[in-house]
Amino acid sequence: MIRRSAILTALLALAACITPRPDPALQAQRDLIGMPKELLLSCGGVPARTAVVDNREWFTYRSEAIHSYPATPYGGYYRRPWDYDPPEVASVSCEATFTLRGGRVERLDYTSPQGVIGNPQCGAIVANCLALVPPQSVPPQSVIVRPGPGSAPPPGPSSPAPLRP
């Protein structure tokens, strides 16, 4: 019993350390900037709408899904056999508009009646293009090395170099 609780505690601790994956729609607003027009058309397909004004282009992609949830059966403590809940049907949609200047993505905006954050349809629009972007590496942090007690500071512009005989 103790071993089982120790394993459970270790698994819960490990699960607490897992960082959630970023929302792909929000990640795309950062990672797809600068993508060439040809690559966008290759990974995103033909846009639903396009517009050109001066040296800017707008490509609008749309994704829509209908989710249905079955009706709950009658029954239960306070329900009568003729009580019936109809099935639920929900429509989820998203539009992503890419602004291009000079043949490269300059901006990405979303429009959705359900909201953008966590909307699977917004993420579905950009998923193929995000797969082509290399993962962002975290740049190394600057490390300040302070001399310990009894050691001389390293020579630099503010301290004179040691004299040599």
Protein backbone atom coordinates (compact mmCIF):
# COMPACT_ATOMS: atom_id res chain seq x y z
CA MET A 1 0.00 0.00 0.00
CA ILE A 2 2.83 2.39 0.85
CA ARG A 3 4.59 1.57 -2.41
CA ARG A 4 1.44 2.26 -4.41
CA SER A 5 0.92 5.65 -2.73
CA ALA A 6 4.59 6.52 -3.31
CA ILE A 7 4.22 5.76 -7.02
CA LEU A 8 1.01 7.77 -7.20
CA THR A 9 2.67 10.71 -5.45
CA ALA A 10 5.62 10.55 -7.87
CA LEU A 11 3.29 10.49 -10.88
CA LEU A 12 1.31 13.46 -9.58
CA ALA A 13 4.52 15.39 -8.97
CA LEU A 14 5.69 14.60 -12.49
CA ALA A 15 2.34 15.67 -13.95
CA ALA A 16 2.61 18.98 -12.11
CA CYS A 17 5.92 19.67 -13.86
CA ILE A 18 4.53 19.23 -17.36
CA THR A 19 4.06 22.57 -19.06
CA PRO A 20 0.89 22.94 -21.13
CA ARG A 21 1.29 23.19 -24.87
CA PRO A 22 0.82 26.68 -26.25
CA ASP A 23 -2.33 27.45 -28.20
CA PRO A 24 -1.38 26.85 -31.87
CA ALA A 25 -3.39 29.85 -33.07
CA LEU A 26 -1.51 32.22 -30.77
CA GLN A 27 1.81 30.53 -31.51
CA ALA A 28 1.22 31.01 -35.25
CA GLN A 29 0.77 34.75 -34.79
CA ARG A 30 4.41 34.84 -33.72
CA ASP A 31 6.03 31.97 -35.64
CA LEU A 32 4.54 32.48 -39.11
CA ILE A 33 5.63 36.11 -39.47
CA GLY A 34 8.08 36.31 -42.37
CA MET A 35 6.86 33.11 -44.06
CA PRO A 36 7.10 33.41 -47.87
CA LYS A 37 3.85 33.60 -49.84
CA GLU A 38 4.68 30.45 -51.81
CA LEU A 39 5.19 28.43 -48.63
CA LEU A 40 1.93 29.79 -47.14
CA LEU A 41 0.02 28.71 -50.24
CA SER A 42 1.75 25.34 -50.13
CA CYS A 43 0.93 24.55 -46.50
CA GLY A 44 -2.35 26.48 -46.16
CA GLY A 45 -3.86 25.74 -49.55
CA VAL A 46 -5.97 28.09 -51.63
CA PRO A 47 -7.52 30.82 -49.46
CA ALA A 48 -11.28 31.31 -49.30
CA ARG A 49 -10.89 35.05 -50.08
CA THR A 50 -8.08 37.27 -51.30
CA ALA A 51 -7.65 41.00 -51.68
CA VAL A 52 -4.85 43.19 -53.03
CA VAL A 53 -4.37 46.89 -52.29
CA ASP A 54 -1.18 48.67 -53.32
CA ASN A 55 1.68 46.38 -52.24
CA ARG A 56 -0.30 44.43 -49.61
CA GLU A 57 -2.23 41.20 -49.99
CA TRP A 58 -4.77 39.58 -47.66
CA PHE A 59 -5.41 35.84 -47.66
CA THR A 60 -8.40 34.68 -45.60
CA TYR A 61 -8.80 31.03 -44.64
CA ARG A 62 -11.93 29.62 -42.99
CA SER A 63 -12.50 26.49 -40.92
CA GLU A 64 -15.83 25.30 -39.60
CA ALA A 65 -17.05 22.25 -37.72
CA ILE A 66 -20.37 21.07 -36.37
CA HIS A 67 -20.36 19.06 -33.17
CA SER A 68 -23.40 17.07 -32.07
CA TYR A 69 -23.96 15.55 -28.67
CA PRO A 70 -26.49 12.76 -28.25
CA ALA A 71 -29.70 13.25 -26.37
CA THR A 72 -29.81 12.16 -22.77
CA PRO A 73 -32.04 9.13 -22.28
CA TYR A 74 -35.10 9.43 -20.13
CA GLY A 75 -35.00 8.03 -16.70
CA GLY A 76 -33.53 8.96 -13.42
CA TYR A 77 -35.16 9.55 -10.10
CA TYR A 78 -37.36 12.53 -11.00
CA ARG A 79 -37.79 11.96 -14.74
CA ARG A 80 -40.79 10.55 -16.49
CA PRO A 81 -40.51 8.32 -19.56
CA TRP A 82 -41.86 11.06 -21.85
CA ASP A 83 -39.26 13.61 -20.65
CA TYR A 84 -36.69 13.94 -23.38
CA ASP A 85 -33.73 16.26 -23.89
CA PRO A 86 -33.09 16.90 -27.59
CA PRO A 87 -29.58 16.40 -28.95
CA GLU A 88 -27.31 19.41 -28.81
CA VAL A 89 -25.67 20.75 -31.95
CA ALA A 90 -22.90 23.35 -31.83
CA SER A 91 -21.15 25.07 -34.70
CA VAL A 92 -17.57 26.26 -34.22
CA SER A 93 -15.84 28.43 -36.80
CA CYS A 94 -12.80 30.60 -37.30
CA GLU A 95 -11.36 32.86 -39.98
CA ALA A 96 -7.64 33.57 -40.22
CA THR A 97 -6.51 36.53 -42.29
CA PHE A 98 -2.86 36.71 -43.30
CA THR A 99 -1.54 40.14 -44.30
CA LEU A 100 1.36 39.91 -46.75
CA ARG A 101 3.76 42.64 -47.82
CA GLY A 102 6.59 42.07 -50.24
CA GLY A 103 5.62 38.41 -50.62
CA ARG A 104 5.99 37.61 -46.89
CA VAL A 105 3.54 37.25 -44.00
CA GLU A 106 3.47 40.48 -42.03
CA ARG A 107 0.51 39.82 -39.72
CA LEU A 108 -2.05 37.17 -38.80
CA ASP A 109 -5.49 38.01 -37.37
CA TYR A 110 -8.39 35.78 -36.33
CA THR A 111 -12.14 36.29 -36.24
CA SER A 112 -14.45 33.86 -34.46
CA PRO A 113 -17.83 34.20 -32.74
CA GLN A 114 -16.66 31.64 -30.14
CA GLY A 115 -13.38 33.44 -29.39
CA VAL A 116 -9.89 32.59 -30.52
CA ILE A 117 -8.10 31.24 -27.45
CA GLY A 118 -8.62 27.50 -27.27
CA ASN A 119 -10.72 27.43 -30.44
CA PRO A 120 -9.71 24.21 -32.24
CA GLN A 121 -10.80 25.58 -35.62
CA CYS A 122 -8.33 28.48 -35.45
CA GLY A 123 -5.56 26.03 -34.65
CA ALA A 124 -6.67 23.75 -37.49
CA ILE A 125 -6.17 26.54 -40.04
CA VAL A 126 -2.51 27.06 -39.14
CA ALA A 127 -1.52 23.51 -38.10
CA ASN A 128 0.09 22.50 -41.43
CA CYS A 129 2.10 25.71 -41.64
CA LEU A 130 3.25 25.50 -38.01
CA ALA A 131 4.62 22.03 -38.73
CA LEU A 132 7.07 23.62 -41.20
CA VAL A 133 8.45 26.13 -38.71
CA PRO A 134 11.53 24.88 -36.84
CA PRO A 135 11.13 24.83 -33.06
CA GLN A 136 12.24 28.00 -31.36
CA SER A 137 15.39 27.51 -29.36
CA VAL A 138 15.77 29.45 -26.16
CA PRO A 139 18.84 31.71 -26.35
CA PRO A 140 21.34 31.16 -23.55
CA GLN A 141 21.02 33.53 -20.64
CA SER A 142 23.86 35.95 -19.94
CA VAL A 143 25.86 34.72 -17.01
CA ILE A 144 27.58 37.20 -14.75
CA VAL A 145 30.66 35.72 -13.15
CA ARG A 146 31.66 37.44 -9.96
CA PRO A 147 35.11 36.78 -8.58
CA GLY A 148 35.16 34.88 -5.34
CA PRO A 149 36.88 36.07 -2.20
CA GLY A 150 40.64 36.26 -2.55
CA SER A 151 40.66 36.18 -6.36
CA ALA A 152 41.54 39.07 -8.60
CA PRO A 153 38.96 40.45 -11.00
CA PRO A 154 39.51 39.54 -14.64
CA PRO A 155 41.24 42.23 -16.71
CA GLY A 156 38.84 44.34 -18.66
CA PRO A 157 38.33 47.87 -19.90
CA SER A 158 37.73 49.19 -16.38
CA SER A 159 40.68 47.42 -14.72
CA PRO A 160 44.27 47.64 -15.85
CA ALA A 161 45.97 44.54 -17.19
CA PRO A 162 48.62 43.04 -14.90
CA LEU A 163 52.14 44.25 -15.56
CA ARG A 164 54.65 41.77 -16.94
CA PRO A 165 58.39 42.06 -16.18
